[in-house]
N, C-alpha and C. Protein backbone atom coordinates (compact mmCIF):
# COMPACT_ATOMS: atom_id res chain seq x y z
N MET A 1 -132.15 -105.60 -48.48
CA MET A 1 -131.15 -104.84 -49.63
C MET A 1 -131.36 -104.52 -50.34
N VAL A 2 -131.55 -103.38 -50.86
CA VAL A 2 -132.44 -102.06 -52.02
C VAL A 2 -131.30 -101.77 -53.29
N PHE A 3 -131.54 -102.06 -54.23
CA PHE A 3 -130.38 -101.43 -55.14
C PHE A 3 -131.38 -100.48 -56.02
N GLN A 4 -130.71 -99.12 -56.48
CA GLN A 4 -131.47 -98.53 -57.03
C GLN A 4 -130.49 -97.99 -58.01
N GLY A 5 -130.48 -96.93 -58.58
CA GLY A 5 -129.70 -95.99 -59.60
C GLY A 5 -129.56 -96.53 -61.40
N PHE A 6 -128.85 -95.89 -61.93
CA PHE A 6 -128.22 -96.41 -63.17
C PHE A 6 -126.89 -96.48 -63.39
N LYS A 7 -126.33 -97.01 -64.32
CA LYS A 7 -124.94 -97.21 -64.47
C LYS A 7 -124.30 -96.74 -65.65
N LYS A 8 -123.20 -95.85 -65.90
CA LYS A 8 -122.30 -96.04 -67.45
C LYS A 8 -122.28 -97.16 -68.12
N CYS A 9 -122.56 -97.50 -69.46
CA CYS A 9 -121.24 -98.17 -70.21
C CYS A 9 -121.80 -98.07 -71.35
N LYS A 10 -120.82 -98.76 -72.29
CA LYS A 10 -120.24 -98.74 -73.70
C LYS A 10 -120.39 -96.81 -73.98
N LYS A 11 -119.14 -96.70 -73.34
CA LYS A 11 -118.29 -95.43 -73.33
C LYS A 11 -118.52 -94.90 -74.25
N ASP A 12 -118.17 -95.33 -75.59
CA ASP A 12 -117.72 -95.07 -77.26
C ASP A 12 -118.62 -94.33 -77.62
N ASP A 13 -120.16 -94.87 -77.20
CA ASP A 13 -121.36 -94.05 -78.06
C ASP A 13 -122.31 -93.14 -76.74
N PRO A 14 -122.03 -92.06 -77.67
CA PRO A 14 -122.99 -90.91 -76.52
C PRO A 14 -124.82 -90.93 -77.11
N ASN A 15 -124.94 -91.65 -77.93
CA ASN A 15 -126.04 -92.18 -78.43
C ASN A 15 -126.92 -93.48 -77.45
N PHE A 16 -125.93 -94.44 -77.22
CA PHE A 16 -126.46 -95.33 -76.04
C PHE A 16 -126.84 -94.55 -75.00
N ILE A 17 -128.12 -94.93 -74.60
CA ILE A 17 -128.87 -94.16 -73.78
C ILE A 17 -128.60 -94.64 -72.43
N LEU A 18 -127.46 -95.28 -72.03
CA LEU A 18 -126.90 -95.43 -70.46
C LEU A 18 -125.70 -94.55 -70.47
N ASN A 19 -125.57 -93.80 -71.41
CA ASN A 19 -124.29 -92.51 -71.43
C ASN A 19 -125.17 -91.37 -71.59
N GLN A 20 -126.49 -91.28 -71.49
CA GLN A 20 -127.06 -90.07 -71.34
C GLN A 20 -127.17 -89.99 -69.78
N ASP A 21 -127.20 -88.62 -69.59
CA ASP A 21 -127.24 -87.78 -67.95
C ASP A 21 -127.76 -88.83 -67.18
N ALA A 22 -129.57 -88.84 -67.68
CA ALA A 22 -130.63 -89.04 -66.97
C ALA A 22 -130.25 -90.60 -66.69
N PHE A 23 -129.26 -91.15 -67.32
CA PHE A 23 -129.80 -92.33 -67.01
C PHE A 23 -128.13 -93.62 -66.93
N LYS A 24 -127.29 -92.76 -66.74
CA LYS A 24 -125.58 -92.70 -66.86
C LYS A 24 -125.10 -93.87 -65.56
N ASP A 25 -126.18 -93.54 -64.17
CA ASP A 25 -125.66 -94.42 -63.32
C ASP A 25 -126.45 -95.40 -63.05
N ALA A 26 -126.80 -96.03 -64.41
CA ALA A 26 -127.81 -97.35 -63.99
C ALA A 26 -127.12 -98.33 -63.21
N GLY A 27 -128.53 -98.94 -62.27
CA GLY A 27 -128.05 -100.36 -61.67
C GLY A 27 -129.00 -101.24 -61.92
N ILE A 28 -130.19 -100.78 -62.40
CA ILE A 28 -131.24 -101.22 -63.29
C ILE A 28 -131.92 -101.20 -64.40
N LEU A 29 -132.00 -102.45 -65.00
CA LEU A 29 -132.55 -102.30 -66.12
C LEU A 29 -133.65 -102.72 -66.88
N VAL A 30 -134.80 -102.12 -67.50
CA VAL A 30 -135.98 -102.56 -67.78
C VAL A 30 -135.72 -102.47 -69.40
N ALA A 31 -136.35 -103.90 -69.30
CA ALA A 31 -135.68 -104.88 -70.31
C ALA A 31 -137.40 -105.21 -71.10
N ASP A 32 -137.26 -105.66 -72.34
CA ASP A 32 -138.01 -106.60 -72.62
C ASP A 32 -138.33 -108.12 -72.56
N ARG A 33 -139.63 -108.63 -73.30
CA ARG A 33 -139.24 -110.03 -73.67
C ARG A 33 -138.00 -110.88 -73.73
N ASN A 34 -137.76 -112.41 -73.09
CA ASN A 34 -136.61 -113.27 -72.98
C ASN A 34 -135.90 -112.64 -72.62
N PHE A 35 -135.26 -111.97 -71.87
CA PHE A 35 -134.25 -110.78 -71.57
C PHE A 35 -132.77 -111.67 -71.71
N GLY A 36 -131.95 -112.11 -72.34
CA GLY A 36 -130.66 -112.77 -72.17
C GLY A 36 -131.28 -113.80 -72.48
N CYS A 37 -131.74 -114.46 -73.63
CA CYS A 37 -132.12 -115.40 -74.63
C CYS A 37 -131.02 -115.47 -75.64
N GLY A 38 -130.10 -116.79 -75.90
CA GLY A 38 -129.32 -116.70 -76.69
C GLY A 38 -127.39 -116.49 -75.28
N SER A 39 -127.80 -116.04 -73.88
CA SER A 39 -126.92 -115.07 -73.66
C SER A 39 -126.22 -116.39 -72.33
N SER A 40 -126.17 -117.82 -72.86
CA SER A 40 -126.21 -118.41 -72.49
C SER A 40 -124.59 -119.00 -71.21
N ARG A 41 -123.54 -118.09 -72.12
CA ARG A 41 -122.87 -118.60 -71.20
C ARG A 41 -122.70 -117.33 -69.93
N GLU A 42 -121.51 -117.33 -69.16
CA GLU A 42 -121.78 -117.03 -67.54
C GLU A 42 -121.32 -115.35 -67.99
N ASN A 43 -120.93 -114.62 -68.95
CA ASN A 43 -119.82 -113.54 -69.32
C ASN A 43 -121.16 -112.39 -69.59
N ALA A 44 -122.29 -113.15 -69.90
CA ALA A 44 -123.10 -112.28 -70.04
C ALA A 44 -123.80 -111.51 -69.13
N ALA A 45 -123.55 -112.24 -67.77
CA ALA A 45 -123.91 -111.78 -66.47
C ALA A 45 -122.96 -111.21 -66.11
N TRP A 46 -121.40 -111.47 -65.98
CA TRP A 46 -120.46 -110.41 -65.63
C TRP A 46 -120.32 -109.36 -66.04
N THR A 47 -120.53 -109.65 -67.40
CA THR A 47 -120.73 -108.00 -67.87
C THR A 47 -121.69 -106.87 -67.57
N LEU A 48 -122.97 -107.24 -67.17
CA LEU A 48 -123.62 -106.85 -66.44
C LEU A 48 -123.21 -106.19 -64.92
N VAL A 49 -122.91 -107.02 -64.13
CA VAL A 49 -122.13 -106.94 -62.94
C VAL A 49 -120.90 -105.90 -63.18
N ASP A 50 -120.09 -105.86 -64.20
CA ASP A 50 -119.26 -105.53 -64.28
C ASP A 50 -119.26 -104.14 -64.56
N ASN A 51 -120.29 -103.71 -65.51
CA ASN A 51 -120.78 -102.56 -65.47
C ASN A 51 -121.95 -101.56 -64.76
N GLY A 52 -121.65 -102.25 -63.16
CA GLY A 52 -122.64 -101.85 -62.22
C GLY A 52 -124.46 -101.86 -61.94
N ILE A 53 -124.57 -102.48 -63.00
CA ILE A 53 -125.85 -103.64 -63.00
C ILE A 53 -126.38 -104.59 -62.16
N ARG A 54 -127.41 -104.10 -61.18
CA ARG A 54 -127.24 -105.02 -60.04
C ARG A 54 -128.73 -105.56 -60.13
N SER A 55 -129.56 -105.22 -61.29
CA SER A 55 -131.13 -105.91 -61.10
C SER A 55 -131.55 -106.35 -62.72
N VAL A 56 -132.23 -106.54 -63.79
CA VAL A 56 -132.85 -106.50 -64.29
C VAL A 56 -134.24 -106.82 -64.10
N ILE A 57 -135.32 -106.30 -64.77
CA ILE A 57 -136.51 -106.10 -64.67
C ILE A 57 -137.28 -106.87 -65.89
N ALA A 58 -137.76 -107.87 -66.70
CA ALA A 58 -138.53 -107.81 -67.72
C ALA A 58 -139.33 -108.63 -67.76
N PRO A 59 -140.37 -109.39 -68.59
CA PRO A 59 -141.69 -109.92 -68.66
C PRO A 59 -140.66 -111.30 -68.30
N SER A 60 -139.49 -111.96 -68.92
CA SER A 60 -138.98 -113.16 -68.81
C SER A 60 -137.92 -112.94 -69.33
N PHE A 61 -137.44 -114.16 -69.09
CA PHE A 61 -135.45 -114.24 -69.19
C PHE A 61 -135.31 -115.78 -70.21
N GLY A 62 -134.29 -115.73 -70.55
CA GLY A 62 -133.53 -116.83 -71.13
C GLY A 62 -133.27 -117.76 -69.98
N ASP A 63 -133.79 -119.06 -69.75
CA ASP A 63 -133.30 -119.35 -68.59
C ASP A 63 -132.09 -119.77 -68.12
N ILE A 64 -130.82 -120.13 -69.09
CA ILE A 64 -129.98 -120.14 -69.03
C ILE A 64 -129.68 -118.97 -68.41
N HIS A 65 -129.38 -117.82 -68.40
CA HIS A 65 -129.31 -116.80 -68.41
C HIS A 65 -129.56 -115.76 -66.73
N TYR A 66 -130.89 -116.58 -66.70
CA TYR A 66 -131.68 -116.07 -65.62
C TYR A 66 -130.80 -116.65 -64.28
N ASN A 67 -130.74 -118.05 -64.31
CA ASN A 67 -129.52 -118.77 -63.33
C ASN A 67 -128.37 -118.11 -63.34
N ASN A 68 -127.93 -117.94 -64.52
CA ASN A 68 -126.35 -117.01 -64.24
C ASN A 68 -126.63 -115.89 -63.60
N GLU A 69 -127.30 -115.02 -64.07
CA GLU A 69 -127.86 -113.69 -62.82
C GLU A 69 -128.25 -113.93 -61.44
N ILE A 70 -128.40 -114.76 -60.89
CA ILE A 70 -128.90 -115.33 -59.76
C ILE A 70 -127.38 -115.84 -59.23
N ASN A 71 -126.57 -116.58 -59.86
CA ASN A 71 -125.60 -116.89 -59.38
C ASN A 71 -124.09 -116.18 -59.48
N ASN A 72 -124.80 -114.59 -60.25
CA ASN A 72 -123.61 -114.05 -60.21
C ASN A 72 -123.49 -112.66 -59.15
N GLY A 73 -124.47 -112.84 -58.29
CA GLY A 73 -125.50 -111.41 -57.99
C GLY A 73 -126.23 -110.80 -58.11
N LEU A 74 -126.97 -110.72 -59.05
CA LEU A 74 -127.62 -110.02 -59.88
C LEU A 74 -128.87 -110.28 -59.48
N VAL A 75 -130.08 -109.51 -59.71
CA VAL A 75 -131.58 -110.31 -58.72
C VAL A 75 -132.48 -109.73 -59.88
N PRO A 76 -132.76 -110.87 -61.05
CA PRO A 76 -133.60 -110.42 -62.14
C PRO A 76 -134.65 -110.59 -61.40
N VAL A 77 -135.63 -109.98 -62.13
CA VAL A 77 -137.46 -109.29 -61.82
C VAL A 77 -138.34 -109.67 -62.42
N ILE A 78 -139.10 -110.52 -63.07
CA ILE A 78 -139.67 -110.55 -63.71
C ILE A 78 -141.22 -110.53 -63.17
N LEU A 79 -141.80 -109.14 -64.17
CA LEU A 79 -143.53 -108.32 -64.39
C LEU A 79 -143.66 -108.79 -65.87
N ASP A 80 -145.26 -108.25 -65.75
CA ASP A 80 -146.11 -108.20 -66.95
C ASP A 80 -145.34 -108.04 -68.14
N ALA A 81 -145.53 -107.70 -69.37
CA ALA A 81 -144.76 -106.89 -70.17
C ALA A 81 -145.43 -105.66 -70.18
N GLU A 82 -146.72 -105.60 -69.78
CA GLU A 82 -147.68 -103.83 -69.86
C GLU A 82 -146.74 -103.31 -68.88
N ILE A 83 -146.47 -103.73 -67.96
CA ILE A 83 -145.77 -102.92 -66.60
C ILE A 83 -144.42 -102.44 -67.05
N CYS A 84 -143.80 -103.63 -67.83
CA CYS A 84 -142.32 -103.16 -68.08
C CYS A 84 -142.94 -102.02 -68.83
N ALA A 85 -143.25 -102.18 -70.32
CA ALA A 85 -143.60 -101.30 -70.70
C ALA A 85 -143.84 -100.17 -70.37
N ASP A 86 -144.91 -99.78 -69.65
CA ASP A 86 -145.00 -98.84 -68.90
C ASP A 86 -143.95 -98.12 -67.71
N LEU A 87 -143.06 -99.07 -67.09
CA LEU A 87 -141.73 -98.45 -66.58
C LEU A 87 -140.97 -98.17 -67.86
N ARG A 88 -140.27 -98.66 -68.51
CA ARG A 88 -140.05 -97.72 -69.76
C ARG A 88 -140.26 -96.34 -70.18
N ARG A 89 -141.78 -96.25 -70.41
CA ARG A 89 -142.60 -95.37 -71.07
C ARG A 89 -141.87 -94.17 -69.81
N GLN A 90 -142.46 -94.44 -68.12
CA GLN A 90 -142.31 -93.90 -67.69
C GLN A 90 -141.00 -92.86 -66.62
N LEU A 91 -139.97 -93.59 -67.33
CA LEU A 91 -138.30 -93.61 -66.87
C LEU A 91 -137.76 -92.54 -68.63
N HIS A 92 -139.01 -92.52 -69.75
CA HIS A 92 -138.26 -91.86 -70.57
C HIS A 92 -139.16 -90.38 -70.56
N ASP A 93 -140.12 -90.01 -69.95
CA ASP A 93 -141.26 -89.38 -70.24
C ASP A 93 -140.67 -88.41 -68.32
N CYS A 94 -140.03 -89.46 -67.77
CA CYS A 94 -139.64 -88.51 -66.73
C CYS A 94 -137.74 -88.75 -66.53
N PRO A 95 -136.85 -88.40 -67.29
CA PRO A 95 -135.65 -89.13 -67.28
C PRO A 95 -134.63 -88.65 -65.51
N GLY A 96 -134.20 -89.76 -65.43
CA GLY A 96 -133.91 -89.51 -64.29
C GLY A 96 -134.47 -89.71 -62.54
N GLY A 97 -135.75 -90.66 -63.39
CA GLY A 97 -136.73 -91.24 -62.24
C GLY A 97 -135.76 -92.13 -62.03
N GLU A 98 -136.25 -92.69 -60.49
CA GLU A 98 -135.35 -93.55 -60.04
C GLU A 98 -136.43 -94.96 -59.62
N ILE A 99 -135.89 -96.25 -59.96
CA ILE A 99 -136.62 -97.56 -59.60
C ILE A 99 -135.94 -98.30 -58.30
N THR A 100 -136.78 -98.58 -58.05
CA THR A 100 -136.04 -99.74 -56.21
C THR A 100 -136.75 -100.88 -56.50
N VAL A 101 -136.01 -101.82 -55.97
CA VAL A 101 -136.15 -103.32 -56.24
C VAL A 101 -135.52 -103.64 -54.87
N ASP A 102 -136.61 -103.55 -53.98
CA ASP A 102 -136.95 -104.16 -52.75
C ASP A 102 -137.08 -105.38 -51.93
N LEU A 103 -135.36 -106.32 -51.99
CA LEU A 103 -135.80 -107.34 -51.92
C LEU A 103 -136.55 -107.77 -50.00
N GLU A 104 -136.54 -107.03 -49.40
CA GLU A 104 -136.84 -107.61 -47.82
C GLU A 104 -138.48 -106.97 -48.10
N ARG A 105 -139.37 -106.16 -48.85
CA ARG A 105 -140.37 -105.89 -49.03
C ARG A 105 -140.82 -106.86 -50.21
N ASN A 106 -140.22 -107.25 -51.24
CA ASN A 106 -140.80 -108.08 -52.22
C ASN A 106 -141.29 -107.18 -53.15
N VAL A 107 -141.10 -105.63 -53.18
CA VAL A 107 -141.79 -104.53 -54.33
C VAL A 107 -140.73 -104.01 -55.18
N VAL A 108 -141.15 -103.61 -56.15
CA VAL A 108 -140.76 -102.61 -56.65
C VAL A 108 -140.77 -101.65 -56.66
N VAL A 109 -140.19 -100.05 -56.78
CA VAL A 109 -140.56 -98.87 -56.16
C VAL A 109 -140.86 -98.42 -57.58
N VAL A 110 -141.59 -97.66 -57.87
CA VAL A 110 -141.60 -96.66 -59.80
C VAL A 110 -141.43 -95.48 -59.25
N PRO A 111 -140.99 -94.95 -59.71
CA PRO A 111 -141.29 -93.35 -59.87
C PRO A 111 -142.67 -92.18 -59.95
N ASP A 112 -143.75 -93.24 -60.21
CA ASP A 112 -144.74 -92.53 -60.05
C ASP A 112 -145.74 -93.68 -59.06
C-alpha cells in the first residue's frame, strides 16, 4: 500500500499551509518532535483521517496519539529530526513535491 499527496483542511484560513495550492491535496504530514503530545483523545486521529491525512512523519510521537493513529488507519513514521527538517525544507523549496510512504518496501521516497 502506498500513500502520497496532500489534503486541504482549515478551509477558512487562506494562510494555512495546507490551503496553499502546492499542498492542498496533502495526505502526508511532515511534523516536528513529539507530534500529537497532549492529543490522547481518539478525536485527534479521527480529525487527521477526516481531512485526508493518511500518514504522519515525525521524529517522535505522543505515545497515546501514536497508538490512536495506528488504530484509526494512519501510518505514523518515525525518522530522525534532521531528516524531518530536511524533508520540510525540500517541500518548501519545491512546492508540490511528493513524498511516498511505501509500506511494502518499508521506505519513504522524497522529492530529491
